[in-house]
Amino acid sequence: MMERRRLANRRLAVAFEFLHRDQRYRAQIGYFTDGGGIAEIFLDAAKPDSALDAFAADAAILISLLLQHGSPLGEIGHALRRCPNGEPASLIGSVIDCLRQMEAPS
């Protein structure tokens, strides 16, 4: 198992909002300081302290741990369920799609 990459105390972060199934979420992503890409994500649902907010926060922690252990976003996204039209079936899939778009070279 790959060792977890530790993050610097101060690092670049970008905040954005997105919709998934008519629910609004706020996200903040942090980057590895060595230019190694996205290192972490924090998620909040529109209604604080709700079950959906807790699920979003827990999902972000799991995604962050996968990234810090070296899992590529493409591999994570490929493993997740999709709707017949190709859209992500879950919040986690939506987040991964957003992150993949942000990671893509401009």
C-alpha atoms as a PDB file:
ATOM      1  CA  MET A   1       0.000   0.000   0.000  1.00  0.00           C
ATOM      2  CA  MET A   2       1.316   3.414  -0.936  1.00  0.00           C
ATOM      3  CA  GLU A   3       2.241   5.698   1.952  1.00  0.00           C
ATOM      4  CA  ARG A   4       0.055   8.746   2.503  1.00  0.00           C
ATOM      5  CA  ARG A   5       1.504  12.018   1.217  1.00  0.00           C
ATOM      6  CA  ARG A   6       1.391  14.607   3.976  1.00  0.00           C
ATOM      7  CA  LEU A   7       0.189  18.102   3.178  1.00  0.00           C
ATOM      8  CA  ALA A   8       1.914  21.383   3.970  1.00  0.00           C
ATOM      9  CA  ASN A   9       0.263  23.538   6.619  1.00  0.00           C
ATOM     10  CA  ARG A  10      -0.286  26.261   4.014  1.00  0.00           C
ATOM     11  CA  ARG A  11      -1.324  25.388   0.467  1.00  0.00           C
ATOM     12  CA  LEU A  12      -3.220  26.779  -2.493  1.00  0.00           C
ATOM     13  CA  ALA A  13      -6.983  26.334  -2.220  1.00  0.00           C
ATOM     14  CA  VAL A  14      -9.822  27.021  -4.634  1.00  0.00           C
ATOM     15  CA  ALA A  15     -13.503  27.296  -3.658  1.00  0.00           C
ATOM     16  CA  PHE A  16     -16.487  26.662  -5.918  1.00  0.00           C
ATOM     17  CA  GLU A  17     -20.163  25.674  -5.806  1.00  0.00           C
ATOM     18  CA  PHE A  18     -21.954  23.024  -7.816  1.00  0.00           C
ATOM     19  CA  LEU A  19     -25.339  21.318  -8.089  1.00  0.00           C
ATOM     20  CA  HIS A  20     -26.093  17.624  -7.867  1.00  0.00           C
ATOM     21  CA  ARG A  21     -29.697  16.449  -8.118  1.00  0.00           C
ATOM     22  CA  ASP A  22     -31.072  19.927  -7.364  1.00  0.00           C
ATOM     23  CA  GLN A  23     -28.967  20.240  -4.205  1.00  0.00           C
ATOM     24  CA  ARG A  24     -26.328  22.966  -3.907  1.00  0.00           C
ATOM     25  CA  TYR A  25     -22.896  22.138  -2.467  1.00  0.00           C
ATOM     26  CA  ARG A  26     -19.884  24.251  -1.582  1.00  0.00           C
ATOM     27  CA  ALA A  27     -16.467  22.775  -2.191  1.00  0.00           C
ATOM     28  CA  GLN A  28     -12.933  23.793  -1.443  1.00  0.00           C
ATOM     29  CA  ILE A  29      -9.997  21.942  -2.931  1.00  0.00           C
ATOM     30  CA  GLY A  30      -6.383  22.041  -1.807  1.00  0.00           C
ATOM     31  CA  TYR A  31      -3.339  21.217  -3.901  1.00  0.00           C
ATOM     32  CA  PHE A  32      -0.043  19.499  -3.188  1.00  0.00           C
ATOM     33  CA  THR A  33       2.612  22.198  -2.847  1.00  0.00           C
ATOM     34  CA  ASP A  34       5.010  20.361  -5.183  1.00  0.00           C
ATOM     35  CA  GLY A  35       2.660  20.754  -8.170  1.00  0.00           C
ATOM     36  CA  GLY A  36       1.413  17.195  -7.734  1.00  0.00           C
ATOM     37  CA  GLY A  37      -2.224  18.097  -8.330  1.00  0.00           C
ATOM     38  CA  ILE A  38      -5.334  18.029  -6.187  1.00  0.00           C
ATOM     39  CA  ALA A  39      -4.656  16.777  -2.667  1.00  0.00           C
ATOM     40  CA  GLU A  40      -7.873  17.285  -0.729  1.00  0.00           C
ATOM     41  CA  ILE A  41     -11.472  18.415  -0.881  1.00  0.00           C
ATOM     42  CA  PHE A  42     -13.911  19.779   1.660  1.00  0.00           C
ATOM     43  CA  LEU A  43     -17.660  19.636   0.980  1.00  0.00           C
ATOM     44  CA  ASP A  44     -20.623  21.298   2.627  1.00  0.00           C
ATOM     45  CA  ALA A  45     -24.281  20.906   1.728  1.00  0.00           C
ATOM     46  CA  ALA A  46     -26.529  23.971   1.645  1.00  0.00           C
ATOM     47  CA  LYS A  47     -28.219  22.955   4.910  1.00  0.00           C
ATOM     48  CA  PRO A  48     -25.584  22.781   7.680  1.00  0.00           C
ATOM     49  CA  ASP A  49     -25.717  19.913  10.185  1.00  0.00           C
ATOM     50  CA  SER A  50     -28.098  17.869   8.034  1.00  0.00           C
ATOM     51  CA  ALA A  51     -27.633  14.208   7.155  1.00  0.00           C
ATOM     52  CA  LEU A  52     -26.746  15.283   3.613  1.00  0.00           C
ATOM     53  CA  ASP A  53     -24.111  17.683   4.959  1.00  0.00           C
ATOM     54  CA  ALA A  54     -22.567  14.884   7.043  1.00  0.00           C
ATOM     55  CA  PHE A  55     -22.560  12.532   4.037  1.00  0.00           C
ATOM     56  CA  ALA A  56     -20.894  15.218   1.866  1.00  0.00           C
ATOM     57  CA  ALA A  57     -18.203  15.886   4.485  1.00  0.00           C
ATOM     58  CA  ASP A  58     -17.487  12.162   4.932  1.00  0.00           C
ATOM     59  CA  ALA A  59     -17.348  11.633   1.162  1.00  0.00           C
ATOM     60  CA  ALA A  60     -14.810  14.463   0.893  1.00  0.00           C
ATOM     61  CA  ILE A  61     -12.625  12.883   3.567  1.00  0.00           C
ATOM     62  CA  LEU A  62     -12.610   9.558   1.730  1.00  0.00           C
ATOM     63  CA  ILE A  63     -11.820  11.198  -1.616  1.00  0.00           C
ATOM     64  CA  SER A  64      -9.003  13.188   0.033  1.00  0.00           C
ATOM     65  CA  LEU A  65      -7.493  10.043   1.559  1.00  0.00           C
ATOM     66  CA  LEU A  66      -7.605   8.271  -1.806  1.00  0.00           C
ATOM     67  CA  LEU A  67      -5.810  11.217  -3.442  1.00  0.00           C
ATOM     68  CA  GLN A  68      -3.191  11.403  -0.689  1.00  0.00           C
ATOM     69  CA  HIS A  69      -2.515   7.680  -1.118  1.00  0.00           C
ATOM     70  CA  GLY A  70      -1.869   8.152  -4.837  1.00  0.00           C
ATOM     71  CA  SER A  71      -5.161   7.105  -6.443  1.00  0.00           C
ATOM     72  CA  PRO A  72      -5.653   9.006  -9.728  1.00  0.00           C
ATOM     73  CA  LEU A  73      -8.945  10.865 -10.195  1.00  0.00           C
ATOM     74  CA  GLY A  74      -9.564   8.973 -13.431  1.00  0.00           C
ATOM     75  CA  GLU A  75      -9.301   5.619 -11.675  1.00  0.00           C
ATOM     76  CA  ILE A  76     -11.599   6.738  -8.862  1.00  0.00           C
ATOM     77  CA  GLY A  77     -14.148   8.077 -11.357  1.00  0.00           C
ATOM     78  CA  HIS A  78     -14.034   4.927 -13.473  1.00  0.00           C
ATOM     79  CA  ALA A  79     -14.907   2.785 -10.439  1.00  0.00           C
ATOM     80  CA  LEU A  80     -18.066   4.753  -9.617  1.00  0.00           C
ATOM     81  CA  ARG A  81     -21.591   4.089 -10.839  1.00  0.00           C
ATOM     82  CA  ARG A  82     -23.041   6.110 -13.719  1.00  0.00           C
ATOM     83  CA  CYS A  83     -26.612   6.724 -14.896  1.00  0.00           C
ATOM     84  CA  PRO A  84     -27.553   5.332 -18.317  1.00  0.00           C
ATOM     85  CA  ASN A  85     -27.029   8.812 -19.822  1.00  0.00           C
ATOM     86  CA  GLY A  86     -23.448   8.897 -18.492  1.00  0.00           C
ATOM     87  CA  GLU A  87     -24.057  11.348 -15.657  1.00  0.00           C
ATOM     88  CA  PRO A  88     -22.744  10.474 -12.199  1.00  0.00           C
ATOM     89  CA  ALA A  89     -25.223   8.474 -10.137  1.00  0.00           C
ATOM     90  CA  SER A  90     -24.049   9.912  -6.815  1.00  0.00           C
ATOM     91  CA  LEU A  91     -22.668  13.002  -5.154  1.00  0.00           C
ATOM     92  CA  ILE A  92     -19.235  11.383  -5.053  1.00  0.00           C
ATOM     93  CA  GLY A  93     -19.269  10.861  -8.809  1.00  0.00           C
ATOM     94  CA  SER A  94     -20.306  14.478  -9.326  1.00  0.00           C
ATOM     95  CA  VAL A  95     -17.437  15.689  -7.160  1.00  0.00           C
ATOM     96  CA  ILE A  96     -14.935  13.526  -9.029  1.00  0.00           C
ATOM     97  CA  ASP A  97     -16.206  14.887 -12.369  1.00  0.00           C
ATOM     98  CA  CYS A  98     -15.752  18.468 -11.094  1.00  0.00           C
ATOM     99  CA  LEU A  99     -12.248  17.681  -9.862  1.00  0.00           C
ATOM    100  CA  ARG A 100     -11.273  16.031 -13.147  1.00  0.00           C
ATOM    101  CA  GLN A 101     -12.379  19.155 -15.033  1.00  0.00           C
ATOM    102  CA  MET A 102     -10.331  21.352 -12.691  1.00  0.00           C
ATOM    103  CA  GLU A 103      -7.292  19.111 -13.032  1.00  0.00           C
ATOM    104  CA  ALA A 104      -7.404  19.017 -16.846  1.00  0.00           C
ATOM    105  CA  PRO A 105      -4.762  21.178 -18.530  1.00  0.00           C
ATOM    106  CA  SER A 106      -6.146  24.416 -19.951  1.00  0.00           C
END
